């Protein structure tokens, strides 16, 4: 009799523990889902403002225009046949990039509480300024520079839009910096070709990261509008 009573009590205790585990699990899933769907603090500043949404869409159009212009710019100024825009061989030019003096693009990382939208936008602005400066340094050495100059103008326009978003988040004016030319070591025509080539290759990869960031921001705006 006592044994039966003890088993019954043990079963109720085990059932209670299992229920507690299920509740904790359900809460953790809910909180994770909420964290994924809720805009970050600085993101909500942009999401809630219709004018900011227009800036986001304008920025998305500009980065798409830049990415679509890169192949034409590359074709117009790169005549060395071994330098292809989308080639696995580009990875082998890392040492030469270092010798010429081409800095790496900023890493945008993932959008999280540890890596805020403000930080990503700052790095986007810095990366765009870097590539504009690189193109500004190499373009005087190019025979055909028209497409590259057009690309620089589009990058400048995009920097303005990104800085407008930073203004919204920070609540203060972000000064538009004057691009400082990067001092590249270009002793010969081949180095000029490689410098222009690698700048466009790196800009293309960086631009694709920018697209992902702006797409995420646009989706948050759409979700906020629907709710």
C-alpha atoms as a PDB file:
ATOM      1  CA  UNK A   1       0.000   0.000   0.000  1.00  0.00           C
ATOM      2  CA  UNK A   2       2.786   2.415   0.997  1.00  0.00           C
ATOM      3  CA  UNK A   3       4.729   1.351  -2.120  1.00  0.00           C
ATOM      4  CA  UNK A   4       1.730   2.154  -4.365  1.00  0.00           C
ATOM      5  CA  UNK A   5       1.271   5.523  -2.686  1.00  0.00           C
ATOM      6  CA  UNK A   6       4.977   6.323  -3.146  1.00  0.00           C
ATOM      7  CA  UNK A   7       4.856   5.381  -6.860  1.00  0.00           C
ATOM      8  CA  UNK A   8       1.804   7.589  -7.382  1.00  0.00           C
ATOM      9  CA  UNK A   9       3.514  10.507  -5.675  1.00  0.00           C
ATOM     10  CA  UNK A  10       6.679   9.947  -7.741  1.00  0.00           C
ATOM     11  CA  UNK A  11       4.691   9.854 -10.989  1.00  0.00           C
ATOM     12  CA  UNK A  12       2.957  13.145 -10.108  1.00  0.00           C
ATOM     13  CA  UNK A  13       6.323  14.710  -9.315  1.00  0.00           C
ATOM     14  CA  UNK A  14       7.830  13.482 -12.616  1.00  0.00           C
ATOM     15  CA  UNK A  15       4.801  14.741 -14.527  1.00  0.00           C
ATOM     16  CA  UNK A  16       5.151  18.146 -12.870  1.00  0.00           C
ATOM     17  CA  UNK A  17       8.851  18.304 -13.783  1.00  0.00           C
ATOM     18  CA  UNK A  18       8.082  17.365 -17.387  1.00  0.00           C
ATOM     19  CA  UNK A  19       5.423  20.076 -17.547  1.00  0.00           C
ATOM     20  CA  UNK A  20       7.889  22.648 -16.178  1.00  0.00           C
ATOM     21  CA  UNK A  21      10.440  21.637 -18.831  1.00  0.00           C
ATOM     22  CA  UNK A  22       7.836  21.988 -21.581  1.00  0.00           C
ATOM     23  CA  UNK A  23       6.838  25.451 -20.327  1.00  0.00           C
ATOM     24  CA  UNK A  24      10.446  26.609 -20.196  1.00  0.00           C
ATOM     25  CA  UNK A  25      11.058  25.206 -23.708  1.00  0.00           C
ATOM     26  CA  UNK A  26       7.923  26.890 -25.075  1.00  0.00           C
ATOM     27  CA  UNK A  27       8.922  30.229 -23.542  1.00  0.00           C
ATOM     28  CA  UNK A  28      12.444  30.001 -24.965  1.00  0.00           C
ATOM     29  CA  UNK A  29      11.065  29.273 -28.459  1.00  0.00           C
ATOM     30  CA  UNK A  30       8.643  32.203 -28.166  1.00  0.00           C
ATOM     31  CA  UNK A  31      11.338  34.597 -26.983  1.00  0.00           C
ATOM     32  CA  UNK A  32      13.687  33.505 -29.784  1.00  0.00           C
ATOM     33  CA  UNK A  33      10.924  34.026 -32.341  1.00  0.00           C
ATOM     34  CA  UNK A  34      10.091  37.428 -30.857  1.00  0.00           C
ATOM     35  CA  UNK A  35      13.744  38.449 -30.929  1.00  0.00           C
ATOM     36  CA  UNK A  36      14.011  37.522 -34.604  1.00  0.00           C
ATOM     37  CA  UNK A  37      10.873  39.409 -35.641  1.00  0.00           C
ATOM     38  CA  UNK A  38      11.138  42.531 -33.474  1.00  0.00           C
ATOM     39  CA  UNK A  39      13.141  45.387 -34.999  1.00  0.00           C
ATOM     40  CA  UNK A  40      16.298  46.368 -33.156  1.00  0.00           C
ATOM     41  CA  UNK A  41      16.167  49.665 -31.218  1.00  0.00           C
ATOM     42  CA  UNK A  42      18.029  51.711 -33.844  1.00  0.00           C
ATOM     43  CA  UNK A  43      16.290  49.822 -36.656  1.00  0.00           C
ATOM     44  CA  UNK A  44      12.829  50.775 -35.376  1.00  0.00           C
ATOM     45  CA  UNK A  45      13.780  54.451 -35.748  1.00  0.00           C
ATOM     46  CA  UNK A  46      14.018  53.925 -39.502  1.00  0.00           C
ATOM     47  CA  UNK A  47      11.197  51.408 -39.811  1.00  0.00           C
ATOM     48  CA  UNK A  48       8.629  53.748 -38.255  1.00  0.00           C
ATOM     49  CA  UNK A  49       9.483  56.727 -40.489  1.00  0.00           C
ATOM     50  CA  UNK A  50       7.971  56.785 -44.017  1.00  0.00           C
ATOM     51  CA  UNK A  51      10.667  59.209 -45.236  1.00  0.00           C
ATOM     52  CA  UNK A  52      13.353  56.838 -43.966  1.00  0.00           C
ATOM     53  CA  UNK A  53      11.716  53.999 -45.873  1.00  0.00           C
ATOM     54  CA  UNK A  54      12.031  56.104 -49.034  1.00  0.00           C
ATOM     55  CA  UNK A  55      15.738  56.552 -48.293  1.00  0.00           C
ATOM     56  CA  UNK A  56      16.117  52.786 -47.856  1.00  0.00           C
ATOM     57  CA  UNK A  57      14.429  52.114 -51.200  1.00  0.00           C
ATOM     58  CA  UNK A  58      16.532  54.796 -52.915  1.00  0.00           C
ATOM     59  CA  UNK A  59      19.658  53.239 -51.437  1.00  0.00           C
ATOM     60  CA  UNK A  60      18.633  49.797 -52.670  1.00  0.00           C
ATOM     61  CA  UNK A  61      18.144  51.177 -56.187  1.00  0.00           C
ATOM     62  CA  UNK A  62      21.550  52.841 -56.101  1.00  0.00           C
ATOM     63  CA  UNK A  63      23.461  49.782 -54.924  1.00  0.00           C
ATOM     64  CA  UNK A  64      21.743  47.696 -57.600  1.00  0.00           C
ATOM     65  CA  UNK A  65      22.738  50.300 -60.195  1.00  0.00           C
ATOM     66  CA  UNK A  66      26.330  50.183 -58.931  1.00  0.00           C
ATOM     67  CA  UNK A  67      26.464  46.395 -59.090  1.00  0.00           C
ATOM     68  CA  UNK A  68      25.026  46.384 -62.602  1.00  0.00           C
ATOM     69  CA  UNK A  69      27.554  49.043 -63.689  1.00  0.00           C
ATOM     70  CA  UNK A  70      30.639  47.204 -62.405  1.00  0.00           C
ATOM     71  CA  UNK A  71      30.886  44.694 -65.319  1.00  0.00           C
ATOM     72  CA  UNK A  72      30.694  47.523 -67.890  1.00  0.00           C
ATOM     73  CA  UNK A  73      33.274  49.588 -65.988  1.00  0.00           C
ATOM     74  CA  UNK A  74      35.562  46.571 -65.789  1.00  0.00           C
ATOM     75  CA  UNK A  75      35.191  45.803 -69.476  1.00  0.00           C
ATOM     76  CA  UNK A  76      35.871  49.422 -70.450  1.00  0.00           C
ATOM     77  CA  UNK A  77      39.150  49.845 -68.561  1.00  0.00           C
ATOM     78  CA  UNK A  78      40.651  46.357 -68.073  1.00  0.00           C
ATOM     79  CA  UNK A  79      42.307  45.035 -71.226  1.00  0.00           C
ATOM     80  CA  UNK A  80      44.601  42.453 -69.595  1.00  0.00           C
ATOM     81  CA  UNK A  81      42.976  39.175 -70.641  1.00  0.00           C
ATOM     82  CA  UNK A  82      43.970  37.250 -67.506  1.00  0.00           C
ATOM     83  CA  UNK A  83      42.051  39.656 -65.247  1.00  0.00           C
ATOM     84  CA  UNK A  84      38.448  38.455 -65.176  1.00  0.00           C
ATOM     85  CA  UNK A  85      35.804  39.994 -62.901  1.00  0.00           C
ATOM     86  CA  UNK A  86      34.278  36.721 -61.702  1.00  0.00           C
ATOM     87  CA  UNK A  87      37.192  34.322 -61.515  1.00  0.00           C
ATOM     88  CA  UNK A  88      38.576  32.026 -58.835  1.00  0.00           C
ATOM     89  CA  UNK A  89      42.019  33.251 -59.927  1.00  0.00           C
ATOM     90  CA  UNK A  90      41.320  36.587 -58.217  1.00  0.00           C
ATOM     91  CA  UNK A  91      42.092  34.981 -54.854  1.00  0.00           C
ATOM     92  CA  UNK A  92      45.694  34.492 -55.975  1.00  0.00           C
ATOM     93  CA  UNK A  93      46.181  38.262 -56.309  1.00  0.00           C
ATOM     94  CA  UNK A  94      46.048  38.905 -52.559  1.00  0.00           C
ATOM     95  CA  UNK A  95      49.793  39.460 -52.209  1.00  0.00           C
ATOM     96  CA  UNK A  96      49.813  41.868 -55.142  1.00  0.00           C
ATOM     97  CA  UNK A  97      46.868  43.774 -53.628  1.00  0.00           C
ATOM     98  CA  UNK A  98      48.937  44.209 -50.475  1.00  0.00           C
ATOM     99  CA  UNK A  99      52.005  45.320 -52.432  1.00  0.00           C
ATOM    100  CA  UNK A 100      49.971  47.889 -54.375  1.00  0.00           C
ATOM    101  CA  UNK A 101      48.385  49.143 -51.140  1.00  0.00           C
ATOM    102  CA  UNK A 102      44.717  48.202 -51.568  1.00  0.00           C
ATOM    103  CA  UNK A 103      43.032  48.037 -48.135  1.00  0.00           C
ATOM    104  CA  UNK A 104      40.401  45.385 -47.416  1.00  0.00           C
ATOM    105  CA  UNK A 105      36.755  46.406 -47.268  1.00  0.00           C
ATOM    106  CA  UNK A 106      35.084  46.677 -43.849  1.00  0.00           C
ATOM    107  CA  UNK A 107      33.299  43.533 -42.680  1.00  0.00           C
ATOM    108  CA  UNK A 108      29.594  44.187 -42.184  1.00  0.00           C
ATOM    109  CA  UNK A 109      28.920  41.104 -40.039  1.00  0.00           C
ATOM    110  CA  UNK A 110      25.464  39.927 -38.964  1.00  0.00           C
ATOM    111  CA  UNK A 111      22.687  42.188 -37.747  1.00  0.00           C
ATOM    112  CA  UNK A 112      22.324  41.496 -34.036  1.00  0.00           C
ATOM    113  CA  UNK A 113      22.250  43.281 -30.697  1.00  0.00           C
ATOM    114  CA  UNK A 114      26.036  42.927 -30.607  1.00  0.00           C
ATOM    115  CA  UNK A 115      26.409  44.364 -34.109  1.00  0.00           C
ATOM    116  CA  UNK A 116      23.853  47.131 -34.463  1.00  0.00           C
ATOM    117  CA  UNK A 117      22.351  48.658 -37.572  1.00  0.00           C
ATOM    118  CA  UNK A 118      24.167  51.912 -36.782  1.00  0.00           C
ATOM    119  CA  UNK A 119      27.490  50.063 -36.788  1.00  0.00           C
ATOM    120  CA  UNK A 120      26.673  48.344 -40.075  1.00  0.00           C
ATOM    121  CA  UNK A 121      25.607  51.615 -41.712  1.00  0.00           C
ATOM    122  CA  UNK A 122      28.824  53.276 -40.525  1.00  0.00           C
ATOM    123  CA  UNK A 123      30.830  50.441 -42.060  1.00  0.00           C
ATOM    124  CA  UNK A 124      28.830  50.636 -45.281  1.00  0.00           C
ATOM    125  CA  UNK A 125      29.614  54.362 -45.462  1.00  0.00           C
ATOM    126  CA  UNK A 126      33.307  53.703 -44.713  1.00  0.00           C
ATOM    127  CA  UNK A 127      33.479  50.912 -47.307  1.00  0.00           C
ATOM    128  CA  UNK A 128      31.862  53.033 -49.995  1.00  0.00           C
ATOM    129  CA  UNK A 129      34.215  55.935 -49.204  1.00  0.00           C
ATOM    130  CA  UNK A 130      37.171  53.551 -49.447  1.00  0.00           C
ATOM    131  CA  UNK A 131      36.193  52.264 -52.881  1.00  0.00           C
ATOM    132  CA  UNK A 132      35.412  55.754 -54.132  1.00  0.00           C
ATOM    133  CA  UNK A 133      38.884  56.828 -52.980  1.00  0.00           C
ATOM    134  CA  UNK A 134      40.510  53.802 -54.639  1.00  0.00           C
ATOM    135  CA  UNK A 135      38.766  54.530 -57.932  1.00  0.00           C
ATOM    136  CA  UNK A 136      39.739  58.182 -57.609  1.00  0.00           C
ATOM    137  CA  UNK A 137      43.396  57.165 -57.183  1.00  0.00           C
ATOM    138  CA  UNK A 138      43.532  54.702 -60.056  1.00  0.00           C
ATOM    139  CA  UNK A 139      41.308  56.475 -62.612  1.00  0.00           C
ATOM    140  CA  UNK A 140      43.893  59.115 -63.699  1.00  0.00           C
ATOM    141  CA  UNK A 141      46.106  56.232 -64.871  1.00  0.00           C
ATOM    142  CA  UNK A 142      43.389  54.628 -67.016  1.00  0.00           C
ATOM    143  CA  UNK A 143      43.066  55.186 -70.750  1.00  0.00           C
ATOM    144  CA  UNK A 144      39.272  54.882 -70.656  1.00  0.00           C
ATOM    145  CA  UNK A 145      37.901  56.250 -67.389  1.00  0.00           C
ATOM    146  CA  UNK A 146      34.354  57.398 -68.267  1.00  0.00           C
ATOM    147  CA  UNK A 147      32.574  54.349 -66.814  1.00  0.00           C
ATOM    148  CA  UNK A 148      34.736  54.475 -63.706  1.00  0.00           C
ATOM    149  CA  UNK A 149      33.895  58.158 -63.195  1.00  0.00           C
ATOM    150  CA  UNK A 150      30.185  57.374 -63.510  1.00  0.00           C
ATOM    151  CA  UNK A 151      30.620  54.632 -60.919  1.00  0.00           C
ATOM    152  CA  UNK A 152      32.296  57.094 -58.542  1.00  0.00           C
ATOM    153  CA  UNK A 153      29.334  59.464 -58.913  1.00  0.00           C
ATOM    154  CA  UNK A 154      26.842  56.700 -58.056  1.00  0.00           C
ATOM    155  CA  UNK A 155      28.923  55.673 -55.035  1.00  0.00           C
ATOM    156  CA  UNK A 156      28.910  59.302 -53.850  1.00  0.00           C
ATOM    157  CA  UNK A 157      25.113  59.417 -54.161  1.00  0.00           C
ATOM    158  CA  UNK A 158      24.783  56.199 -52.170  1.00  0.00           C
ATOM    159  CA  UNK A 159      27.082  57.513 -49.410  1.00  0.00           C
ATOM    160  CA  UNK A 160      24.748  60.509 -49.080  1.00  0.00           C
ATOM    161  CA  UNK A 161      21.736  58.206 -48.648  1.00  0.00           C
ATOM    162  CA  UNK A 162      23.510  55.974 -46.107  1.00  0.00           C
ATOM    163  CA  UNK A 163      24.536  59.046 -44.104  1.00  0.00           C
ATOM    164  CA  UNK A 164      20.925  60.251 -44.149  1.00  0.00           C
ATOM    165  CA  UNK A 165      19.953  56.983 -42.444  1.00  0.00           C
ATOM    166  CA  UNK A 166      22.710  57.511 -39.885  1.00  0.00           C
ATOM    167  CA  UNK A 167      21.337  61.007 -39.276  1.00  0.00           C
ATOM    168  CA  UNK A 168      17.931  59.509 -38.464  1.00  0.00           C
ATOM    169  CA  UNK A 169      19.399  56.982 -36.039  1.00  0.00           C
ATOM    170  CA  UNK A 170      21.836  59.312 -34.282  1.00  0.00           C
ATOM    171  CA  UNK A 171      19.618  62.380 -34.312  1.00  0.00           C
ATOM    172  CA  UNK A 172      22.498  64.521 -35.536  1.00  0.00           C
ATOM    173  CA  UNK A 173      24.038  65.508 -38.842  1.00  0.00           C
ATOM    174  CA  UNK A 174      26.710  63.199 -40.218  1.00  0.00           C
ATOM    175  CA  UNK A 175      29.269  65.320 -42.060  1.00  0.00           C
ATOM    176  CA  UNK A 176      29.830  64.221 -45.641  1.00  0.00           C
ATOM    177  CA  UNK A 177      33.581  63.545 -45.797  1.00  0.00           C
ATOM    178  CA  UNK A 178      35.780  64.671 -48.660  1.00  0.00           C
ATOM    179  CA  UNK A 179      37.364  61.543 -50.162  1.00  0.00           C
ATOM    180  CA  UNK A 180      41.084  61.306 -49.518  1.00  0.00           C
ATOM    181  CA  UNK A 181      42.874  59.523 -52.368  1.00  0.00           C
ATOM    182  CA  UNK A 182      44.544  56.287 -51.324  1.00  0.00           C
ATOM    183  CA  UNK A 183      48.279  56.257 -52.062  1.00  0.00           C
ATOM    184  CA  UNK A 184      48.657  53.292 -54.410  1.00  0.00           C
ATOM    185  CA  UNK A 185      51.997  51.948 -55.593  1.00  0.00           C
ATOM    186  CA  UNK A 186      51.603  51.821 -59.365  1.00  0.00           C
ATOM    187  CA  UNK A 187      55.047  51.598 -61.000  1.00  0.00           C
ATOM    188  CA  UNK A 188      53.746  50.222 -64.294  1.00  0.00           C
ATOM    189  CA  UNK A 189      50.729  49.589 -66.509  1.00  0.00           C
ATOM    190  CA  UNK A 190      50.201  46.064 -65.195  1.00  0.00           C
ATOM    191  CA  UNK A 191      49.949  47.332 -61.612  1.00  0.00           C
ATOM    192  CA  UNK A 192      47.416  49.928 -62.767  1.00  0.00           C
ATOM    193  CA  UNK A 193      45.360  47.196 -64.394  1.00  0.00           C
ATOM    194  CA  UNK A 194      45.513  44.978 -61.316  1.00  0.00           C
ATOM    195  CA  UNK A 195      44.618  47.879 -59.002  1.00  0.00           C
ATOM    196  CA  UNK A 196      41.549  48.813 -61.050  1.00  0.00           C
ATOM    197  CA  UNK A 197      40.587  45.154 -61.409  1.00  0.00           C
ATOM    198  CA  UNK A 198      40.882  44.308 -57.710  1.00  0.00           C
ATOM    199  CA  UNK A 199      39.053  47.478 -56.665  1.00  0.00           C
ATOM    200  CA  UNK A 200      36.096  46.532 -58.852  1.00  0.00           C
ATOM    201  CA  UNK A 201      36.182  42.906 -57.660  1.00  0.00           C
ATOM    202  CA  UNK A 202      36.202  43.997 -54.029  1.00  0.00           C
ATOM    203  CA  UNK A 203      33.511  46.629 -54.632  1.00  0.00           C
ATOM    204  CA  UNK A 204      31.296  43.973 -56.180  1.00  0.00           C
ATOM    205  CA  UNK A 205      31.641  41.663 -53.160  1.00  0.00           C
ATOM    206  CA  UNK A 206      31.131  44.535 -50.713  1.00  0.00           C
ATOM    207  CA  UNK A 207      28.114  45.739 -52.686  1.00  0.00           C
ATOM    208  CA  UNK A 208      26.483  42.330 -52.378  1.00  0.00           C
ATOM    209  CA  UNK A 209      26.836  42.566 -48.587  1.00  0.00           C
ATOM    210  CA  UNK A 210      25.256  46.016 -48.713  1.00  0.00           C
ATOM    211  CA  UNK A 211      22.341  44.576 -50.693  1.00  0.00           C
ATOM    212  CA  UNK A 212      21.702  42.002 -47.950  1.00  0.00           C
ATOM    213  CA  UNK A 213      21.740  44.641 -45.211  1.00  0.00           C
ATOM    214  CA  UNK A 214      19.345  46.951 -47.057  1.00  0.00           C
ATOM    215  CA  UNK A 215      17.074  44.046 -48.010  1.00  0.00           C
ATOM    216  CA  UNK A 216      16.802  43.069 -44.339  1.00  0.00           C
ATOM    217  CA  UNK A 217      15.968  46.647 -43.429  1.00  0.00           C
ATOM    218  CA  UNK A 218      13.346  46.916 -46.187  1.00  0.00           C
ATOM    219  CA  UNK A 219      11.714  43.663 -45.049  1.00  0.00           C
ATOM    220  CA  UNK A 220      11.490  45.004 -41.491  1.00  0.00           C
ATOM    221  CA  UNK A 221       9.788  48.131 -42.868  1.00  0.00           C
ATOM    222  CA  UNK A 222       7.274  46.016 -44.802  1.00  0.00           C
ATOM    223  CA  UNK A 223       6.495  43.880 -41.752  1.00  0.00           C
ATOM    224  CA  UNK A 224       5.996  47.004 -39.612  1.00  0.00           C
ATOM    225  CA  UNK A 225       3.649  48.469 -42.242  1.00  0.00           C
ATOM    226  CA  UNK A 226       1.592  45.262 -42.442  1.00  0.00           C
ATOM    227  CA  UNK A 227       1.249  45.060 -38.639  1.00  0.00           C
END
